Structure formats: C-alpha cells, structure tokens
C-alpha cells in the first residue's frame, strides 16, 4: 500500500473498528489524532514553529495515548 493518507492506512490495516473505539473512548488520543492527521508528505518541506513541532512529536510519541503507541499494539 503506497499512501500517506492515515485514515486509508488504518482501513487497509484492518484497524478501523479498533480506531473508532479508541477515538470514541479516549479524549487524549482523539486530540492527538487531530494533530497527527493534519500531517502530509508536503508538510515535511514546510517550516513550522517550535510549538507546532513539539505538539506533533508529543501526539505521536506520548507513552500513554500517543498515536504511535496505539499503532504498536497491533504490530
């Protein structure tokens, strides 16, 4: 699967139901997802503020509710 569309990747990985459950039951995860889903492959070439960069890193890596931590449950 060659895509940067995070929603499509979740669907293709068979995680749509698990994602909807986590999103509905975990406000912190839902907020982090809102940050992470705004990323695109074009954004890697754009400048952003230190605050925006820090928020993205936190949304991905937060040990309790980060998006990467959630994904790693299914590896």
C-alpha atoms as a PDB file:
ATOM      1  CA  UNK A   1       0.000   0.000   0.000  1.00  0.00           C
ATOM      2  CA  UNK A   2       1.561   3.241  -1.097  1.00  0.00           C
ATOM      3  CA  UNK A   3      -0.266   6.039   0.651  1.00  0.00           C
ATOM      4  CA  UNK A   4       0.313   8.795   3.182  1.00  0.00           C
ATOM      5  CA  UNK A   5      -3.416   9.035   3.950  1.00  0.00           C
ATOM      6  CA  UNK A   6      -3.559   7.923   7.583  1.00  0.00           C
ATOM      7  CA  UNK A   7      -7.276   7.143   7.506  1.00  0.00           C
ATOM      8  CA  UNK A   8      -6.809   4.935   4.444  1.00  0.00           C
ATOM      9  CA  UNK A   9      -3.828   3.188   6.030  1.00  0.00           C
ATOM     10  CA  UNK A  10      -5.875   2.397   9.155  1.00  0.00           C
ATOM     11  CA  UNK A  11      -8.638   0.990   6.965  1.00  0.00           C
ATOM     12  CA  UNK A  12      -6.237  -1.098   4.867  1.00  0.00           C
ATOM     13  CA  UNK A  13      -4.571  -2.451   8.023  1.00  0.00           C
ATOM     14  CA  UNK A  14      -7.929  -3.687   9.293  1.00  0.00           C
ATOM     15  CA  UNK A  15      -7.832  -1.327  12.281  1.00  0.00           C
ATOM     16  CA  UNK A  16     -10.884   0.832  11.528  1.00  0.00           C
ATOM     17  CA  UNK A  17     -13.061  -0.695  14.265  1.00  0.00           C
ATOM     18  CA  UNK A  18     -10.282  -0.572  16.864  1.00  0.00           C
ATOM     19  CA  UNK A  19      -9.528   3.018  15.851  1.00  0.00           C
ATOM     20  CA  UNK A  20     -13.158   4.128  16.181  1.00  0.00           C
ATOM     21  CA  UNK A  21     -13.359   2.505  19.617  1.00  0.00           C
ATOM     22  CA  UNK A  22     -10.164   4.189  20.839  1.00  0.00           C
ATOM     23  CA  UNK A  23     -11.129   7.535  19.313  1.00  0.00           C
ATOM     24  CA  UNK A  24     -14.564   7.495  20.965  1.00  0.00           C
ATOM     25  CA  UNK A  25     -13.347   6.381  24.385  1.00  0.00           C
ATOM     26  CA  UNK A  26     -10.062   8.264  24.754  1.00  0.00           C
ATOM     27  CA  UNK A  27     -10.223  12.061  24.535  1.00  0.00           C
ATOM     28  CA  UNK A  28      -6.437  12.456  24.730  1.00  0.00           C
ATOM     29  CA  UNK A  29      -5.918  10.050  21.832  1.00  0.00           C
ATOM     30  CA  UNK A  30      -8.646  11.838  19.851  1.00  0.00           C
ATOM     31  CA  UNK A  31      -6.910  15.170  20.401  1.00  0.00           C
ATOM     32  CA  UNK A  32      -3.570  13.734  19.394  1.00  0.00           C
ATOM     33  CA  UNK A  33      -5.143  12.199  16.302  1.00  0.00           C
ATOM     34  CA  UNK A  34      -6.423  15.657  15.361  1.00  0.00           C
ATOM     35  CA  UNK A  35      -2.829  16.882  15.379  1.00  0.00           C
ATOM     36  CA  UNK A  36      -1.319  13.896  13.577  1.00  0.00           C
ATOM     37  CA  UNK A  37      -3.931  13.677  10.806  1.00  0.00           C
ATOM     38  CA  UNK A  38      -3.023  17.188   9.662  1.00  0.00           C
ATOM     39  CA  UNK A  39       0.427  15.982   8.595  1.00  0.00           C
ATOM     40  CA  UNK A  40       1.028  15.345   4.907  1.00  0.00           C
ATOM     41  CA  UNK A  41       4.049  14.457   2.864  1.00  0.00           C
ATOM     42  CA  UNK A  42       4.061  18.053   1.576  1.00  0.00           C
ATOM     43  CA  UNK A  43       4.281  19.413   5.128  1.00  0.00           C
ATOM     44  CA  UNK A  44       7.728  17.909   5.609  1.00  0.00           C
ATOM     45  CA  UNK A  45       9.032  20.686   3.347  1.00  0.00           C
ATOM     46  CA  UNK A  46       7.233  23.491   5.181  1.00  0.00           C
ATOM     47  CA  UNK A  47       8.594  25.432   8.119  1.00  0.00           C
ATOM     48  CA  UNK A  48       6.665  25.262  11.353  1.00  0.00           C
ATOM     49  CA  UNK A  49       7.045  26.781  14.786  1.00  0.00           C
ATOM     50  CA  UNK A  50       8.799  25.039  17.658  1.00  0.00           C
ATOM     51  CA  UNK A  51       5.396  24.738  19.359  1.00  0.00           C
ATOM     52  CA  UNK A  52       3.815  23.008  16.354  1.00  0.00           C
ATOM     53  CA  UNK A  53       6.744  20.619  16.046  1.00  0.00           C
ATOM     54  CA  UNK A  54       6.645  19.789  19.758  1.00  0.00           C
ATOM     55  CA  UNK A  55       2.894  19.173  19.647  1.00  0.00           C
ATOM     56  CA  UNK A  56       3.285  16.792  16.711  1.00  0.00           C
ATOM     57  CA  UNK A  57       6.085  14.863  18.394  1.00  0.00           C
ATOM     58  CA  UNK A  58       4.031  14.593  21.601  1.00  0.00           C
ATOM     59  CA  UNK A  59       0.933  13.453  19.684  1.00  0.00           C
ATOM     60  CA  UNK A  60       2.947  10.690  18.077  1.00  0.00           C
ATOM     61  CA  UNK A  61       5.112   9.546  20.980  1.00  0.00           C
ATOM     62  CA  UNK A  62       3.146  10.162  24.209  1.00  0.00           C
ATOM     63  CA  UNK A  63       3.661   6.936  26.159  1.00  0.00           C
ATOM     64  CA  UNK A  64       0.064   6.733  27.389  1.00  0.00           C
ATOM     65  CA  UNK A  65      -2.062   7.945  24.489  1.00  0.00           C
ATOM     66  CA  UNK A  66       0.177   8.675  21.511  1.00  0.00           C
ATOM     67  CA  UNK A  67      -0.764   7.578  18.033  1.00  0.00           C
ATOM     68  CA  UNK A  68       2.407   5.525  17.524  1.00  0.00           C
ATOM     69  CA  UNK A  69       1.915   3.777  20.860  1.00  0.00           C
ATOM     70  CA  UNK A  70      -1.618   2.836  19.798  1.00  0.00           C
ATOM     71  CA  UNK A  71      -0.425   1.528  16.424  1.00  0.00           C
ATOM     72  CA  UNK A  72       2.354  -0.517  18.036  1.00  0.00           C
ATOM     73  CA  UNK A  73      -0.251  -2.580  19.882  1.00  0.00           C
ATOM     74  CA  UNK A  74      -1.102  -4.194  16.559  1.00  0.00           C
ATOM     75  CA  UNK A  75       2.410  -4.993  15.290  1.00  0.00           C
END
